[in-house]
Amino acid sequence: MDFKALGDNLGLDEDEYRELIDLFIQSGGLDLVKLEQALTMGDADQVMRCAHTIKGASGNLGLTAVSAAARRIEEQSMHNRLEGLEEALRTLKFQFEAIRACV
């Protein structure tokens, strides 16, 4: 992952961007746990809110794969369709872990 290029797109130097990524990993990790718990409980509203938060934060950082995965979960949960979201959650977690591994 090219943190310099991603930072440049936001008008940040690489160190500033890495700080934001660190914050995203911390807060996004908590949101991911909440999302998974809400999915297990069948709470579509909470799933939607967590996915929306992750989508927005990752989108603002230019993390398009994470944002796309979160968007899919958000859109389905918006219509109370939680069945089949396990695969989307696995994809989101995989993308999230890929970013964590790059830091």
C-alpha atoms as a PDB file:
ATOM      1  CA  MET A   1       0.000   0.000   0.000  1.00  0.00           C
ATOM      2  CA  ASP A   2       1.436   3.344  -1.030  1.00  0.00           C
ATOM      3  CA  PHE A   3       0.834   5.545   2.004  1.00  0.00           C
ATOM      4  CA  LYS A   4       2.760   8.410   0.427  1.00  0.00           C
ATOM      5  CA  ALA A   5       0.495   8.523  -2.630  1.00  0.00           C
ATOM      6  CA  LEU A   6      -2.648   8.144  -0.544  1.00  0.00           C
ATOM      7  CA  GLY A   7      -1.470  10.935   1.753  1.00  0.00           C
ATOM      8  CA  ASP A   8      -0.618  13.134  -1.220  1.00  0.00           C
ATOM      9  CA  ASN A   9      -4.193  12.729  -2.484  1.00  0.00           C
ATOM     10  CA  LEU A  10      -5.381  14.235   0.793  1.00  0.00           C
ATOM     11  CA  GLY A  11      -2.743  16.952   0.979  1.00  0.00           C
ATOM     12  CA  LEU A  12      -0.904  15.174   3.801  1.00  0.00           C
ATOM     13  CA  ASP A  13       2.647  13.976   4.123  1.00  0.00           C
ATOM     14  CA  GLU A  14       3.222  10.275   4.682  1.00  0.00           C
ATOM     15  CA  ASP A  15       3.677  10.586   8.455  1.00  0.00           C
ATOM     16  CA  GLU A  16       0.436  12.528   8.869  1.00  0.00           C
ATOM     17  CA  TYR A  17      -1.396   9.975   6.755  1.00  0.00           C
ATOM     18  CA  ARG A  18       0.045   7.076   8.767  1.00  0.00           C
ATOM     19  CA  GLU A  19      -1.225   8.733  11.956  1.00  0.00           C
ATOM     20  CA  LEU A  20      -4.714   8.825  10.478  1.00  0.00           C
ATOM     21  CA  ILE A  21      -4.412   5.186   9.414  1.00  0.00           C
ATOM     22  CA  ASP A  22      -3.409   4.269  12.975  1.00  0.00           C
ATOM     23  CA  LEU A  23      -6.503   6.047  14.301  1.00  0.00           C
ATOM     24  CA  PHE A  24      -8.648   4.325  11.676  1.00  0.00           C
ATOM     25  CA  ILE A  25      -7.303   0.921  12.672  1.00  0.00           C
ATOM     26  CA  GLN A  26      -8.116   1.610  16.324  1.00  0.00           C
ATOM     27  CA  SER A  27     -11.587   3.067  15.878  1.00  0.00           C
ATOM     28  CA  GLY A  28     -12.455   0.989  12.823  1.00  0.00           C
ATOM     29  CA  GLY A  29     -11.464  -2.151  14.678  1.00  0.00           C
ATOM     30  CA  LEU A  30     -13.961  -1.315  17.411  1.00  0.00           C
ATOM     31  CA  ASP A  31     -16.641  -0.573  14.827  1.00  0.00           C
ATOM     32  CA  LEU A  32     -15.898  -3.878  13.123  1.00  0.00           C
ATOM     33  CA  VAL A  33     -16.411  -5.744  16.411  1.00  0.00           C
ATOM     34  CA  LYS A  34     -19.684  -3.871  16.999  1.00  0.00           C
ATOM     35  CA  LEU A  35     -20.800  -4.654  13.453  1.00  0.00           C
ATOM     36  CA  GLU A  36     -20.095  -8.350  13.890  1.00  0.00           C
ATOM     37  CA  GLN A  37     -21.968  -8.420  17.214  1.00  0.00           C
ATOM     38  CA  ALA A  38     -24.937  -6.593  15.701  1.00  0.00           C
ATOM     39  CA  LEU A  39     -25.010  -9.015  12.781  1.00  0.00           C
ATOM     40  CA  THR A  40     -24.986 -11.956  15.188  1.00  0.00           C
ATOM     41  CA  MET A  41     -27.874 -10.389  17.119  1.00  0.00           C
ATOM     42  CA  GLY A  42     -29.829  -9.596  13.946  1.00  0.00           C
ATOM     43  CA  ASP A  43     -29.814  -5.852  14.664  1.00  0.00           C
ATOM     44  CA  ALA A  44     -30.030  -4.418  11.136  1.00  0.00           C
ATOM     45  CA  ASP A  45     -30.057  -0.793  12.324  1.00  0.00           C
ATOM     46  CA  GLN A  46     -26.823  -1.202  14.299  1.00  0.00           C
ATOM     47  CA  VAL A  47     -25.226  -3.144  11.422  1.00  0.00           C
ATOM     48  CA  MET A  48     -26.122  -0.274   9.099  1.00  0.00           C
ATOM     49  CA  ARG A  49     -24.725   2.384  11.461  1.00  0.00           C
ATOM     50  CA  CYS A  50     -21.426   0.556  12.001  1.00  0.00           C
ATOM     51  CA  ALA A  51     -21.015  -0.154   8.296  1.00  0.00           C
ATOM     52  CA  HIS A  52     -21.793   3.486   7.495  1.00  0.00           C
ATOM     53  CA  THR A  53     -19.137   4.691   9.944  1.00  0.00           C
ATOM     54  CA  ILE A  54     -16.510   2.345   8.512  1.00  0.00           C
ATOM     55  CA  LYS A  55     -17.503   3.257   4.949  1.00  0.00           C
ATOM     56  CA  GLY A  56     -17.170   6.975   5.625  1.00  0.00           C
ATOM     57  CA  ALA A  57     -13.880   6.825   7.500  1.00  0.00           C
ATOM     58  CA  SER A  58     -12.251   4.484   5.004  1.00  0.00           C
ATOM     59  CA  GLY A  59     -13.591   6.466   2.058  1.00  0.00           C
ATOM     60  CA  ASN A  60     -12.154   9.686   3.486  1.00  0.00           C
ATOM     61  CA  LEU A  61      -8.765   7.975   3.687  1.00  0.00           C
ATOM     62  CA  GLY A  62      -8.940   6.656   0.126  1.00  0.00           C
ATOM     63  CA  LEU A  63      -9.245   3.032   1.261  1.00  0.00           C
ATOM     64  CA  THR A  64     -11.597   2.103  -1.551  1.00  0.00           C
ATOM     65  CA  ALA A  65     -11.692  -1.672  -1.005  1.00  0.00           C
ATOM     66  CA  VAL A  66     -12.668  -1.259   2.652  1.00  0.00           C
ATOM     67  CA  SER A  67     -15.201   1.410   1.789  1.00  0.00           C
ATOM     68  CA  ALA A  68     -16.778  -0.749  -0.937  1.00  0.00           C
ATOM     69  CA  ALA A  69     -17.074  -3.749   1.379  1.00  0.00           C
ATOM     70  CA  ALA A  70     -18.664  -1.609   4.099  1.00  0.00           C
ATOM     71  CA  ARG A  71     -21.010  -0.010   1.549  1.00  0.00           C
ATOM     72  CA  ARG A  72     -22.302  -3.442   0.516  1.00  0.00           C
ATOM     73  CA  ILE A  73     -23.101  -4.292   4.141  1.00  0.00           C
ATOM     74  CA  GLU A  74     -24.688  -0.895   4.725  1.00  0.00           C
ATOM     75  CA  GLU A  75     -26.917  -1.148   1.658  1.00  0.00           C
ATOM     76  CA  GLN A  76     -28.198  -4.622   2.482  1.00  0.00           C
ATOM     77  CA  SER A  77     -28.802  -3.854   6.145  1.00  0.00           C
ATOM     78  CA  MET A  78     -30.655  -0.673   5.177  1.00  0.00           C
ATOM     79  CA  HIS A  79     -33.309  -2.979   3.715  1.00  0.00           C
ATOM     80  CA  ASN A  80     -33.187  -5.372   6.702  1.00  0.00           C
ATOM     81  CA  ARG A  81     -31.468  -8.020   4.568  1.00  0.00           C
ATOM     82  CA  LEU A  82     -28.899  -9.527   6.911  1.00  0.00           C
ATOM     83  CA  GLU A  83     -28.868 -13.001   5.413  1.00  0.00           C
ATOM     84  CA  GLY A  84     -25.771 -13.650   3.374  1.00  0.00           C
ATOM     85  CA  LEU A  85     -23.806 -10.794   4.932  1.00  0.00           C
ATOM     86  CA  GLU A  86     -21.316 -13.190   6.508  1.00  0.00           C
ATOM     87  CA  GLU A  87     -19.348 -13.291   3.247  1.00  0.00           C
ATOM     88  CA  ALA A  88     -19.376  -9.489   2.988  1.00  0.00           C
ATOM     89  CA  LEU A  89     -18.196  -9.293   6.599  1.00  0.00           C
ATOM     90  CA  ARG A  90     -15.350 -11.721   5.838  1.00  0.00           C
ATOM     91  CA  THR A  91     -14.348  -9.527   2.892  1.00  0.00           C
ATOM     92  CA  LEU A  92     -14.451  -6.409   5.062  1.00  0.00           C
ATOM     93  CA  LYS A  93     -12.357  -8.066   7.765  1.00  0.00           C
ATOM     94  CA  PHE A  94      -9.855  -9.291   5.160  1.00  0.00           C
ATOM     95  CA  GLN A  95      -9.480  -5.784   3.701  1.00  0.00           C
ATOM     96  CA  PHE A  96      -9.159  -4.310   7.184  1.00  0.00           C
ATOM     97  CA  GLU A  97      -6.448  -6.817   8.143  1.00  0.00           C
ATOM     98  CA  ALA A  98      -4.581  -6.109   4.902  1.00  0.00           C
ATOM     99  CA  ILE A  99      -4.319  -2.448   5.924  1.00  0.00           C
ATOM    100  CA  ARG A 100      -3.292  -3.367   9.454  1.00  0.00           C
ATOM    101  CA  ALA A 101      -0.517  -5.575   8.035  1.00  0.00           C
ATOM    102  CA  CYS A 102       0.859  -2.660   6.001  1.00  0.00           C
ATOM    103  CA  VAL A 103       1.282  -0.361   8.993  1.00  0.00           C
END
